[in-house]
C-alpha atoms as a PDB file:
ATOM      1  CA  MET A   1     104.166  85.855 105.168  1.00  0.00           C
ATOM      2  CA  LYS A   2     100.656  87.203 104.685  1.00  0.00           C
ATOM      3  CA  GLY A   3      98.592  88.732 107.451  1.00  0.00           C
ATOM      4  CA  THR A   4      95.914  91.212 108.489  1.00  0.00           C
ATOM      5  CA  VAL A   5      96.364  94.400 110.488  1.00  0.00           C
ATOM      6  CA  LYS A   6      94.775  93.816 113.885  1.00  0.00           C
ATOM      7  CA  PHE A   7      95.478  97.283 115.265  1.00  0.00           C
ATOM      8  CA  TYR A   8      97.606 100.293 114.290  1.00  0.00           C
ATOM      9  CA  ASN A   9      97.934 103.601 116.149  1.00  0.00           C
ATOM     10  CA  ARG A  10      99.247 106.342 113.843  1.00  0.00           C
ATOM     11  CA  ILE A  11      99.985 108.689 116.761  1.00  0.00           C
ATOM     12  CA  LYS A  12     102.069 106.117 118.648  1.00  0.00           C
ATOM     13  CA  ARG A  13     103.389 104.701 115.327  1.00  0.00           C
ATOM     14  CA  PHE A  14     102.985 101.027 116.165  1.00  0.00           C
ATOM     15  CA  GLY A  15     100.472  98.215 116.044  1.00  0.00           C
ATOM     16  CA  PHE A  16      99.994  94.492 115.516  1.00  0.00           C
ATOM     17  CA  ILE A  17      99.526  92.241 112.520  1.00  0.00           C
ATOM     18  CA  THR A  18      97.951  88.795 112.817  1.00  0.00           C
ATOM     19  CA  GLY A  19      99.939  86.463 110.590  1.00  0.00           C
ATOM     20  CA  GLU A  20      98.469  83.624 108.569  1.00  0.00           C
ATOM     21  CA  ASP A  21      99.969  81.340 111.246  1.00  0.00           C
ATOM     22  CA  GLY A  22      97.654  82.896 113.878  1.00  0.00           C
ATOM     23  CA  THR A  23     100.500  84.695 115.679  1.00  0.00           C
ATOM     24  CA  ASP A  24     100.363  88.427 116.460  1.00  0.00           C
ATOM     25  CA  TYR A  25     103.429  90.381 115.283  1.00  0.00           C
ATOM     26  CA  PHE A  26     104.429  93.802 116.587  1.00  0.00           C
ATOM     27  CA  VAL A  27     104.892  96.368 113.822  1.00  0.00           C
ATOM     28  CA  HIS A  28     106.607  99.754 114.113  1.00  0.00           C
ATOM     29  CA  GLU A  29     106.330 102.564 111.613  1.00  0.00           C
ATOM     30  CA  SER A  30     109.992 102.061 110.627  1.00  0.00           C
ATOM     31  CA  ALA A  31     109.150  98.547 109.309  1.00  0.00           C
ATOM     32  CA  ILE A  32     106.447  99.775 106.914  1.00  0.00           C
ATOM     33  CA  LYS A  33     107.259 100.333 103.242  1.00  0.00           C
ATOM     34  CA  GLU A  34     107.017 103.976 102.148  1.00  0.00           C
ATOM     35  CA  GLY A  35     103.531 104.829 100.898  1.00  0.00           C
ATOM     36  CA  VAL A  36     101.806 102.028 102.849  1.00  0.00           C
ATOM     37  CA  SER A  37      99.119 103.118 105.303  1.00  0.00           C
ATOM     38  CA  LEU A  38      97.952 100.561 107.862  1.00  0.00           C
ATOM     39  CA  GLU A  39      94.371 100.397 109.079  1.00  0.00           C
ATOM     40  CA  GLU A  40      92.482  97.662 110.880  1.00  0.00           C
ATOM     41  CA  GLY A  41      91.679  94.867 108.424  1.00  0.00           C
ATOM     42  CA  THR A  42      94.300  95.836 105.824  1.00  0.00           C
ATOM     43  CA  ARG A  43      95.789  92.724 104.136  1.00  0.00           C
ATOM     44  CA  VAL A  44      99.591  92.844 104.109  1.00  0.00           C
ATOM     45  CA  THR A  45     102.725  90.823 103.478  1.00  0.00           C
ATOM     46  CA  PHE A  46     105.697  91.003 105.828  1.00  0.00           C
ATOM     47  CA  THR A  47     108.865  89.285 106.962  1.00  0.00           C
ATOM     48  CA  PRO A  48     108.467  87.742 110.428  1.00  0.00           C
ATOM     49  CA  THR A  49     111.444  88.236 112.758  1.00  0.00           C
ATOM     50  CA  GLU A  50     112.280  87.823 116.411  1.00  0.00           C
ATOM     51  CA  GLY A  51     112.794  91.085 118.306  1.00  0.00           C
ATOM     52  CA  ASP A  52     114.019  91.851 121.828  1.00  0.00           C
ATOM     53  CA  ARG A  53     110.481  91.605 123.174  1.00  0.00           C
ATOM     54  CA  GLY A  54     109.020  88.947 120.905  1.00  0.00           C
ATOM     55  CA  LYS A  55     107.838  88.455 117.362  1.00  0.00           C
ATOM     56  CA  LYS A  56     107.750  91.438 115.028  1.00  0.00           C
ATOM     57  CA  ALA A  57     106.998  92.255 111.409  1.00  0.00           C
ATOM     58  CA  GLU A  58     109.537  93.798 109.032  1.00  0.00           C
ATOM     59  CA  LYS A  59     109.254  94.946 105.387  1.00  0.00           C
ATOM     60  CA  VAL A  60     105.485  95.427 105.645  1.00  0.00           C
ATOM     61  CA  ASP A  61     103.731  96.017 102.319  1.00  0.00           C
ATOM     62  CA  TYR A  62     100.232  95.742 100.901  1.00  0.00           C
ATOM     63  CA  GLU A  63      99.367  92.182  99.882  1.00  0.00           C
ATOM     64  CA  GLY A  64     100.113  91.857  96.165  1.00  0.00           C
ATOM     65  CA  ASP A  65     102.497  94.837  96.073  1.00  0.00           C
ATOM     66  CA  SER A  66     105.681  92.786  96.131  1.00  0.00           C
ATOM     67  CA  GLU A  67     108.457  93.258  93.588  1.00  0.00           C
ATOM     68  CA  GLU A  68     107.298  90.056  91.883  1.00  0.00           C
ATOM     69  CA  ALA A  69     103.830  91.517  91.409  1.00  0.00           C
ATOM     70  CA  ASP A  70     105.426  94.697  90.004  1.00  0.00           C
ATOM     71  CA  LYS A  71     107.441  92.600  87.528  1.00  0.00           C
ATOM     72  CA  GLU A  72     104.295  90.747  86.419  1.00  0.00           C
ATOM     73  CA  ASP A  73     102.485  94.050  85.894  1.00  0.00           C
ATOM     74  CA  THR A  74     105.379  95.330  83.776  1.00  0.00           C
ATOM     75  CA  GLU A  75     105.415  92.155  81.695  1.00  0.00           C
ATOM     76  CA  ASP A  76     101.647  92.388  81.132  1.00  0.00           C
ATOM     77  CA  THR A  77     102.001  96.020  80.022  1.00  0.00           C
ATOM     78  CA  GLU A  78     104.823  95.178  77.622  1.00  0.00           C
ATOM     79  CA  ASP A  79     102.718  92.433  76.014  1.00  0.00           C
ATOM     80  CA  THR A  80      99.762  94.733  75.370  1.00  0.00           C
ATOM     81  CA  GLU A  81     101.674  97.706  73.899  1.00  0.00           C
ATOM     82  CA  ASP A  82     101.551  96.588  70.254  1.00  0.00           C
END
């Protein structure tokens, strides 16, 4: 699912993402892909799940940084290396 970071506190290591469905999802630092830095307004993709206390986001990544996008980039590079 796609969404936008509503709030993220680096000190407390958690925040919320508003999903494209209008729902707010809790996000903890442990659910964020390595190298991804969340700030208010950052567009992301994530896997919505149900946690003990409600909805939460897992596998959070920058929008467009999925493995499929990486594969497309590799294919484009291979085509242009003639």
